[in-house]
Amino acid sequence: MTTIAIDAYIMDTLLRDLVGHDRRPSAFLVYLYLWRESHGRGGPNAQIPLLDIAQDIGLSKRSVQEALSWLAKRKLVAVARASITAVPVYSVLRPWRR
């Protein structure tokens, strides 16, 4: 099993903020998943189909869509697509690091 490092801010602050304050635990799960698929593999981006994210985490596709929308609104994730039908590229942002 591989161990990955995550910023302490994610567990100390973001967890309480997304789960406790915003009441969006799915957003925290999606953020952690995207962190693993991007920073955990040595890059800032991850290109993953929405359905794969949902299946890997165990959430519905709609829950993942709502979580991604919330994360984008909070400027924690940026989503880019080459076209409307292309697999999105997710950039996991760390606004607390300047």
C-alpha atoms as a PDB file:
ATOM      1  CA  MET A   1       0.000   0.000   0.000  1.00  0.00           C
ATOM      2  CA  THR A   2       1.268   3.434  -0.921  1.00  0.00           C
ATOM      3  CA  THR A   3       1.241   6.296   1.549  1.00  0.00           C
ATOM      4  CA  ILE A   4       0.572   9.819   0.339  1.00  0.00           C
ATOM      5  CA  ALA A   5       1.117  13.110   2.090  1.00  0.00           C
ATOM      6  CA  ILE A   6      -1.665  15.649   2.347  1.00  0.00           C
ATOM      7  CA  ASP A   7      -1.549  19.188   3.658  1.00  0.00           C
ATOM      8  CA  ALA A   8      -2.405  19.380   7.361  1.00  0.00           C
ATOM      9  CA  TYR A   9      -4.856  22.143   6.448  1.00  0.00           C
ATOM     10  CA  ILE A  10      -7.049  19.573   4.691  1.00  0.00           C
ATOM     11  CA  MET A  11      -7.613  17.559   7.852  1.00  0.00           C
ATOM     12  CA  ASP A  12      -7.401  20.384  10.383  1.00  0.00           C
ATOM     13  CA  THR A  13      -9.573  22.969   8.665  1.00  0.00           C
ATOM     14  CA  LEU A  14     -11.126  21.849   5.380  1.00  0.00           C
ATOM     15  CA  LEU A  15     -12.693  18.736   6.932  1.00  0.00           C
ATOM     16  CA  ARG A  16     -14.547  20.783   9.545  1.00  0.00           C
ATOM     17  CA  ASP A  17     -15.434  23.469   7.036  1.00  0.00           C
ATOM     18  CA  LEU A  18     -16.915  21.227   4.323  1.00  0.00           C
ATOM     19  CA  VAL A  19     -18.466  18.572   6.565  1.00  0.00           C
ATOM     20  CA  GLY A  20     -19.466  20.578   9.635  1.00  0.00           C
ATOM     21  CA  HIS A  21     -20.120  24.108   8.428  1.00  0.00           C
ATOM     22  CA  ASP A  22     -21.213  23.529   4.804  1.00  0.00           C
ATOM     23  CA  ARG A  23     -22.807  20.144   5.576  1.00  0.00           C
ATOM     24  CA  ARG A  24     -21.345  18.650   2.412  1.00  0.00           C
ATOM     25  CA  PRO A  25     -19.399  15.522   3.354  1.00  0.00           C
ATOM     26  CA  SER A  26     -19.552  14.330  -0.261  1.00  0.00           C
ATOM     27  CA  ALA A  27     -17.572  17.418  -1.299  1.00  0.00           C
ATOM     28  CA  PHE A  28     -14.843  16.491   1.185  1.00  0.00           C
ATOM     29  CA  LEU A  29     -14.744  12.906  -0.119  1.00  0.00           C
ATOM     30  CA  VAL A  30     -14.514  14.096  -3.726  1.00  0.00           C
ATOM     31  CA  TYR A  31     -11.756  16.558  -2.806  1.00  0.00           C
ATOM     32  CA  LEU A  32      -9.741  13.819  -1.080  1.00  0.00           C
ATOM     33  CA  TYR A  33     -10.251  11.488  -4.039  1.00  0.00           C
ATOM     34  CA  LEU A  34      -9.112  14.099  -6.540  1.00  0.00           C
ATOM     35  CA  TRP A  35      -6.164  14.960  -4.282  1.00  0.00           C
ATOM     36  CA  ARG A  36      -5.072  11.306  -4.403  1.00  0.00           C
ATOM     37  CA  GLU A  37      -5.503  11.104  -8.160  1.00  0.00           C
ATOM     38  CA  SER A  38      -3.557  14.309  -8.768  1.00  0.00           C
ATOM     39  CA  HIS A  39      -1.102  15.420  -6.070  1.00  0.00           C
ATOM     40  CA  GLY A  40      -0.849  11.876  -4.729  1.00  0.00           C
ATOM     41  CA  ARG A  41       0.429  10.760  -8.130  1.00  0.00           C
ATOM     42  CA  GLY A  42       2.792  13.689  -8.518  1.00  0.00           C
ATOM     43  CA  GLY A  43       0.769  16.148 -10.592  1.00  0.00           C
ATOM     44  CA  PRO A  44      -1.657  19.014 -10.107  1.00  0.00           C
ATOM     45  CA  ASN A  45      -4.359  17.574 -12.420  1.00  0.00           C
ATOM     46  CA  ALA A  46      -6.438  14.437 -12.842  1.00  0.00           C
ATOM     47  CA  GLN A  47      -8.489  13.472 -15.889  1.00  0.00           C
ATOM     48  CA  ILE A  48     -11.230  11.118 -14.727  1.00  0.00           C
ATOM     49  CA  PRO A  49     -14.749  10.435 -15.996  1.00  0.00           C
ATOM     50  CA  LEU A  50     -17.495  11.491 -13.593  1.00  0.00           C
ATOM     51  CA  LEU A  51     -18.936   7.989 -13.412  1.00  0.00           C
ATOM     52  CA  ASP A  52     -15.539   6.560 -12.412  1.00  0.00           C
ATOM     53  CA  ILE A  53     -15.302   9.035  -9.532  1.00  0.00           C
ATOM     54  CA  ALA A  54     -18.797   8.081  -8.372  1.00  0.00           C
ATOM     55  CA  GLN A  55     -18.094   4.341  -8.544  1.00  0.00           C
ATOM     56  CA  ASP A  56     -14.687   4.586  -6.868  1.00  0.00           C
ATOM     57  CA  ILE A  57     -16.023   6.638  -3.941  1.00  0.00           C
ATOM     58  CA  GLY A  58     -19.380   4.880  -3.651  1.00  0.00           C
ATOM     59  CA  LEU A  59     -21.544   7.941  -4.279  1.00  0.00           C
ATOM     60  CA  SER A  60     -24.207   8.579  -6.868  1.00  0.00           C
ATOM     61  CA  LYS A  61     -23.258  10.411 -10.036  1.00  0.00           C
ATOM     62  CA  ARG A  62     -25.547  13.279  -9.013  1.00  0.00           C
ATOM     63  CA  SER A  63     -23.888  13.577  -5.590  1.00  0.00           C
ATOM     64  CA  VAL A  64     -20.486  13.816  -7.260  1.00  0.00           C
ATOM     65  CA  GLN A  65     -21.791  16.466  -9.675  1.00  0.00           C
ATOM     66  CA  GLU A  66     -23.146  18.530  -6.778  1.00  0.00           C
ATOM     67  CA  ALA A  67     -19.907  18.088  -4.817  1.00  0.00           C
ATOM     68  CA  LEU A  68     -17.814  19.203  -7.797  1.00  0.00           C
ATOM     69  CA  SER A  69     -20.063  22.206  -8.299  1.00  0.00           C
ATOM     70  CA  TRP A  70     -19.630  23.178  -4.643  1.00  0.00           C
ATOM     71  CA  LEU A  71     -15.863  22.660  -4.755  1.00  0.00           C
ATOM     72  CA  ALA A  72     -15.628  24.825  -7.880  1.00  0.00           C
ATOM     73  CA  LYS A  73     -17.730  27.521  -6.214  1.00  0.00           C
ATOM     74  CA  ARG A  74     -15.390  27.420  -3.189  1.00  0.00           C
ATOM     75  CA  LYS A  75     -12.401  27.603  -5.586  1.00  0.00           C
ATOM     76  CA  LEU A  76     -11.003  24.307  -4.325  1.00  0.00           C
ATOM     77  CA  VAL A  77     -11.250  22.553  -7.708  1.00  0.00           C
ATOM     78  CA  ALA A  78     -11.071  23.885 -11.258  1.00  0.00           C
ATOM     79  CA  VAL A  79     -12.691  21.918 -14.083  1.00  0.00           C
ATOM     80  CA  ALA A  80     -11.612  22.157 -17.723  1.00  0.00           C
ATOM     81  CA  ARG A  81     -12.958  20.376 -20.789  1.00  0.00           C
ATOM     82  CA  ALA A  82     -11.677  20.352 -24.361  1.00  0.00           C
ATOM     83  CA  SER A  83     -15.295  19.982 -25.529  1.00  0.00           C
ATOM     84  CA  ILE A  84     -18.732  19.421 -24.024  1.00  0.00           C
ATOM     85  CA  THR A  85     -18.364  15.629 -24.320  1.00  0.00           C
ATOM     86  CA  ALA A  86     -14.676  15.398 -23.328  1.00  0.00           C
ATOM     87  CA  VAL A  87     -13.537  13.809 -20.084  1.00  0.00           C
ATOM     88  CA  PRO A  88     -12.956  16.683 -17.638  1.00  0.00           C
ATOM     89  CA  VAL A  89      -9.559  17.591 -16.266  1.00  0.00           C
ATOM     90  CA  TYR A  90      -9.736  18.477 -12.576  1.00  0.00           C
ATOM     91  CA  SER A  91      -7.156  20.764 -11.023  1.00  0.00           C
ATOM     92  CA  VAL A  92      -7.037  20.432  -7.257  1.00  0.00           C
ATOM     93  CA  LEU A  93      -6.422  23.910  -5.871  1.00  0.00           C
ATOM     94  CA  ARG A  94      -4.876  24.889  -2.558  1.00  0.00           C
ATOM     95  CA  PRO A  95      -5.897  28.505  -1.955  1.00  0.00           C
ATOM     96  CA  TRP A  96      -4.419  28.428   1.551  1.00  0.00           C
ATOM     97  CA  ARG A  97      -0.922  28.139   0.001  1.00  0.00           C
ATOM     98  CA  ARG A  98       0.238  31.400  -1.486  1.00  0.00           C
END
